[in-house]
C-alpha cells in the first residue's frame, strides 16, 4: 500500500475517496494526526498530514518516529513525501518540482532512530542512496505522463527550523552541494529506511533561498502561498498517475 505524507499546505488529498479514519497509538507517542485510508482512482493509500491537520506542529516538533511507525503498522510499503522547499541555484526558481536523490542532515536533537536504548541492539543501515530509486523513477514517469516538468534529482539540505536560514547559511549549504533547502526530510527518510519502507519525495520550490533571487533582501512568506498552491495542483495530478514499482 502507498502512504502519502503531506507537507505544508498539503493537509488533504484532492479526489481521495475516504474509506475510513484511524487513530493510532504508537510506542513512540502520538503521530501527527489520524490516518486517513482511501482510494485515489484505482490506488489504495493511507494519508497523513505531517504538521497535523490544523498545521500546528513545527518541523522540529513533528514526532517522526511515531509517524513512520504508524504508517508501517497500517500496512504501507511505499511512501511519497511532499516537501515545501527553497531553491538555492538560479535554475530552481519558485514553482519548480524536484524529486531529490540525495540529502544532507543539519538537524539536531531530533529522535532519529528506532534503535535506541539498552534493550535494542546496535543497528546500522546503509544510507548511500537515501531515497528509493525505484520510487523516484515512478514519480518521474508519472510527471511525464501528465505533462508536468520536474527536476529529476537534487540534494536536499535539511535544517532545524522553525526559523528560515540566513544568507550566509545558504552560501554554506551551496558549497556543501545542496540545491534545495527544507526542514522536514530528516529523520523521516532514515526512519523509513529502518522500517523497510520504499520512500521518495516530491518537493515544490516555493521561494528563492535566503539571499538569492527575489529573496536577496528577505523572504516574503506571503509570496510563497501562490507557488505552493500551484505546486499542490501539479502534485495531485502526478499522484493520480503514479504507479508503484510492481505495477500497482
Protein backbone atom coordinates (compact mmCIF):
# COMPACT_ATOMS: atom_id res chain seq x y z
CA UNK A 1 0.00 0.00 0.00
CA UNK A 2 1.07 3.56 -0.74
CA UNK A 3 1.42 6.15 2.02
CA UNK A 4 1.37 9.88 1.34
CA UNK A 5 2.91 12.23 3.90
CA UNK A 6 1.56 15.71 3.25
CA UNK A 7 3.71 18.73 4.00
CA UNK A 8 2.99 22.44 4.44
CA UNK A 9 -0.26 23.36 2.69
CA UNK A 10 -1.00 19.73 1.86
CA UNK A 11 -3.39 18.67 4.61
CA UNK A 12 -5.81 16.87 2.33
CA UNK A 13 -5.65 14.95 -0.92
CA UNK A 14 -7.92 16.04 -3.75
CA UNK A 15 -10.14 13.34 -5.28
CA UNK A 16 -9.38 10.94 -2.43
CA UNK A 17 -12.33 8.64 -1.75
CA UNK A 18 -12.14 8.32 2.03
CA UNK A 19 -12.94 4.84 3.29
CA UNK A 20 -12.07 5.18 6.97
CA UNK A 21 -10.07 7.14 9.52
CA UNK A 22 -7.96 5.54 12.23
CA UNK A 23 -6.45 6.94 15.40
CA UNK A 24 -3.15 5.17 16.07
CA UNK A 25 -1.21 4.82 19.30
CA UNK A 26 2.49 4.01 18.96
CA UNK A 27 5.33 3.06 21.31
CA UNK A 28 6.86 6.43 20.41
CA UNK A 29 3.94 8.66 21.28
CA UNK A 30 1.29 10.32 19.16
CA UNK A 31 1.65 10.64 15.40
CA UNK A 32 0.82 13.96 13.77
CA UNK A 33 -2.81 13.05 13.30
CA UNK A 34 -5.39 10.50 12.30
CA UNK A 35 -4.51 8.14 9.45
CA UNK A 36 -6.89 8.55 6.51
CA UNK A 37 -7.42 5.44 4.37
CA UNK A 38 -8.94 5.71 0.94
CA UNK A 39 -8.69 5.26 -2.80
CA UNK A 40 -7.21 7.67 -5.32
CA UNK A 41 -8.62 6.48 -8.62
CA UNK A 42 -7.57 2.80 -8.52
CA UNK A 43 -4.88 3.13 -5.83
CA UNK A 44 -5.43 2.23 -2.20
CA UNK A 45 -3.48 4.50 0.09
CA UNK A 46 -3.13 5.98 3.54
CA UNK A 47 -2.63 9.71 4.07
CA UNK A 48 -1.05 11.56 6.98
CA UNK A 49 -0.55 15.32 7.38
CA UNK A 50 2.98 15.76 8.71
CA UNK A 51 2.26 19.02 10.57
CA UNK A 52 -1.18 17.92 11.81
CA UNK A 53 -4.49 18.73 10.18
CA UNK A 54 -4.52 22.17 11.75
CA UNK A 55 -0.87 22.68 10.80
CA UNK A 56 0.09 23.12 14.44
CA UNK A 57 3.37 21.16 14.53
CA UNK A 58 6.60 22.97 13.68
CA UNK A 59 9.25 20.91 11.82
CA UNK A 60 11.30 20.24 14.96
CA UNK A 61 8.16 19.24 16.89
CA UNK A 62 6.96 16.56 14.48
CA UNK A 63 7.08 13.07 16.00
CA UNK A 64 8.75 11.45 13.01
CA UNK A 65 9.19 8.08 14.71
CA UNK A 66 5.51 7.84 15.59
CA UNK A 67 4.51 8.84 12.04
CA UNK A 68 6.70 6.26 10.31
CA UNK A 69 5.84 3.53 12.83
CA UNK A 70 2.11 4.21 12.35
CA UNK A 71 2.33 4.05 8.56
CA UNK A 72 4.30 0.81 8.65
CA UNK A 73 1.86 -0.68 11.16
CA UNK A 74 -1.02 0.34 8.87
CA UNK A 75 0.41 -1.77 6.06
CA UNK A 76 2.30 0.79 3.99
CA UNK A 77 5.04 -0.49 1.70
CA UNK A 78 5.72 2.69 -0.26
CA UNK A 79 5.92 6.33 0.82
CA UNK A 80 5.73 9.55 -1.16
CA UNK A 81 6.63 12.54 1.00
CA UNK A 82 5.57 16.04 -0.04
CA UNK A 83 8.03 18.81 0.88
CA UNK A 84 7.95 22.60 0.51
CA UNK A 85 11.48 23.88 -0.08
CA UNK A 86 13.59 26.85 -1.04
CA UNK A 87 15.57 26.78 -4.26
CA UNK A 88 19.29 27.58 -3.97
CA UNK A 89 20.58 27.85 -7.58
CA UNK A 90 19.02 30.13 -10.19
CA UNK A 91 17.96 27.02 -12.10
CA UNK A 92 15.44 26.15 -9.35
CA UNK A 93 13.07 29.14 -9.16
CA UNK A 94 9.75 29.12 -7.28
CA UNK A 95 7.24 26.81 -8.92
CA UNK A 96 9.78 24.10 -9.76
CA UNK A 97 9.07 20.49 -8.78
CA UNK A 98 12.05 18.42 -7.65
CA UNK A 99 12.50 14.70 -6.98
CA UNK A 100 15.64 14.73 -4.79
CA UNK A 101 18.12 11.89 -4.86
CA UNK A 102 20.42 12.95 -2.01
CA UNK A 103 20.21 14.62 1.38
CA UNK A 104 22.44 16.40 3.90
CA UNK A 105 21.27 16.49 7.52
CA UNK A 106 21.83 19.70 9.51
CA UNK A 107 19.22 18.98 12.19
CA UNK A 108 19.98 18.35 15.85
CA UNK A 109 18.16 16.97 18.88
CA UNK A 110 15.55 15.03 16.92
CA UNK A 111 14.83 11.40 17.76
CA UNK A 112 16.44 9.88 14.70
CA UNK A 113 16.38 6.10 15.12
CA UNK A 114 14.17 3.27 16.27
CA UNK A 115 17.30 1.50 17.52
CA UNK A 116 17.81 3.33 20.80
CA UNK A 117 18.03 2.14 24.38
CA UNK A 118 19.82 -0.67 26.14
CA UNK A 119 17.21 -3.21 25.01
CA UNK A 120 17.96 -2.53 21.34
CA UNK A 121 20.97 -3.99 19.51
CA UNK A 122 23.36 -1.60 17.78
CA UNK A 123 21.99 -1.47 14.23
CA UNK A 124 23.35 0.33 11.20
CA UNK A 125 21.56 0.99 7.91
CA UNK A 126 23.11 1.74 4.55
CA UNK A 127 22.25 5.31 3.55
CA UNK A 128 24.40 5.75 0.43
CA UNK A 129 21.27 6.33 -1.64
CA UNK A 130 18.77 7.72 0.87
CA UNK A 131 15.79 7.82 -1.50
CA UNK A 132 14.44 4.65 -3.08
CA UNK A 133 15.46 4.76 -6.75
CA UNK A 134 12.52 2.69 -7.95
CA UNK A 135 10.07 5.06 -6.32
CA UNK A 136 11.93 8.08 -7.67
CA UNK A 137 11.65 6.74 -11.18
CA UNK A 138 7.94 6.10 -10.69
CA UNK A 139 7.41 9.74 -9.71
CA UNK A 140 9.45 10.91 -12.69
CA UNK A 141 7.43 8.68 -15.04
CA UNK A 142 4.12 9.87 -13.56
CA UNK A 143 5.11 13.51 -14.08
CA UNK A 144 5.99 12.81 -17.71
CA UNK A 145 2.70 11.01 -18.20
CA UNK A 146 0.66 14.06 -17.16
CA UNK A 147 2.97 16.56 -18.85
CA UNK A 148 4.40 18.15 -15.71
CA UNK A 149 8.03 19.27 -15.81
CA UNK A 150 10.19 18.22 -12.89
CA UNK A 151 13.86 18.26 -11.97
CA UNK A 152 14.78 14.60 -11.62
CA UNK A 153 17.50 14.99 -8.99
CA UNK A 154 18.61 17.30 -6.22
CA UNK A 155 20.37 17.49 -2.88
CA UNK A 156 18.02 18.33 -0.03
CA UNK A 157 19.62 20.25 2.85
CA UNK A 158 17.50 19.60 5.94
CA UNK A 159 17.82 22.39 8.52
CA UNK A 160 16.46 22.51 12.04
CA UNK A 161 13.89 25.29 11.78
CA UNK A 162 11.47 26.68 12.52
CA UNK A 163 13.31 29.85 11.50
CA UNK A 164 14.44 30.23 7.93
CA UNK A 165 18.12 30.32 7.06
CA UNK A 166 20.48 33.30 6.86
CA UNK A 167 22.04 34.24 3.53
CA UNK A 168 25.42 33.09 4.85
CA UNK A 169 23.97 29.72 5.80
CA UNK A 170 22.58 29.29 2.30
CA UNK A 171 26.04 30.09 0.90
CA UNK A 172 27.44 27.36 3.11
CA UNK A 173 24.77 24.87 2.02
CA UNK A 174 25.53 25.56 -1.62
CA UNK A 175 29.25 24.96 -1.02
CA UNK A 176 28.28 21.66 0.62
CA UNK A 177 26.47 20.68 -2.60
CA UNK A 178 22.85 21.35 -1.61
CA UNK A 179 20.36 22.51 -4.24
CA UNK A 180 17.16 22.76 -2.18
CA UNK A 181 16.59 23.51 1.49
CA UNK A 182 13.79 22.46 3.83
CA UNK A 183 13.15 21.37 7.40
CA UNK A 184 11.27 18.06 7.37
CA UNK A 185 13.12 15.40 5.38
CA UNK A 186 15.22 14.21 8.31
CA UNK A 187 14.93 11.96 10.17
CA UNK A 188 11.86 10.95 8.17
CA UNK A 189 13.92 9.47 5.32
CA UNK A 190 16.25 7.43 7.51
CA UNK A 191 13.44 6.18 9.75
CA UNK A 192 11.61 4.93 6.67
CA UNK A 193 14.78 3.08 5.66
CA UNK A 194 14.98 1.49 9.12
CA UNK A 195 11.41 0.23 8.72
CA UNK A 196 11.99 -1.09 5.20
CA UNK A 197 9.67 1.42 3.52
CA UNK A 198 10.41 2.42 -0.07
CA UNK A 199 10.47 6.19 0.29
CA UNK A 200 10.75 9.01 -2.23
CA UNK A 201 9.99 12.72 -2.05
CA UNK A 202 8.28 15.22 -4.30
CA UNK A 203 9.37 18.75 -3.40
CA UNK A 204 7.83 22.01 -4.58
CA UNK A 205 10.06 25.09 -4.58
CA UNK A 206 8.05 27.92 -3.01
CA UNK A 207 10.74 30.59 -2.68
CA UNK A 208 14.27 31.54 -3.61
CA UNK A 209 16.52 30.60 -0.70
CA UNK A 210 17.72 33.44 1.55
CA UNK A 211 19.98 35.90 -0.23
CA UNK A 212 19.08 34.58 -3.68
CA UNK A 213 16.85 35.91 -6.44
CA UNK A 214 13.75 37.63 -5.08
CA UNK A 215 14.94 36.80 -1.54
CA UNK A 216 18.08 38.95 -1.62
CA UNK A 217 16.62 41.32 0.98
CA UNK A 218 14.47 38.74 2.73
CA UNK A 219 11.86 36.06 2.16
CA UNK A 220 8.28 37.31 1.96
CA UNK A 221 6.34 34.37 3.34
CA UNK A 222 3.10 35.67 1.91
CA UNK A 223 4.58 35.35 -1.59
CA UNK A 224 5.18 31.62 -1.12
CA UNK A 225 1.49 30.73 -0.91
CA UNK A 226 0.71 31.23 -4.60
CA UNK A 227 3.62 28.98 -5.63
CA UNK A 228 2.60 26.43 -3.02
CA UNK A 229 -0.99 26.38 -4.26
CA UNK A 230 0.09 25.95 -7.87
CA UNK A 231 2.55 23.24 -6.89
CA UNK A 232 -0.08 21.32 -4.96
CA UNK A 233 -2.27 21.21 -8.06
CA UNK A 234 0.60 19.69 -10.06
CA UNK A 235 1.37 17.20 -7.29
CA UNK A 236 -2.24 15.99 -7.25
CA UNK A 237 -2.00 15.21 -10.98
CA UNK A 238 1.27 13.34 -10.53
CA UNK A 239 -0.05 11.27 -7.63
CA UNK A 240 -3.12 10.29 -9.63
CA UNK A 241 -0.87 9.00 -12.44
CA UNK A 242 1.61 7.32 -10.10
CA UNK A 243 2.20 3.57 -10.48
CA UNK A 244 4.19 1.62 -7.94
CA UNK A 245 7.40 -0.21 -8.90
CA UNK A 246 5.49 -3.51 -9.02
CA UNK A 247 2.85 -2.00 -11.33
CA UNK A 248 0.16 -1.47 -8.69
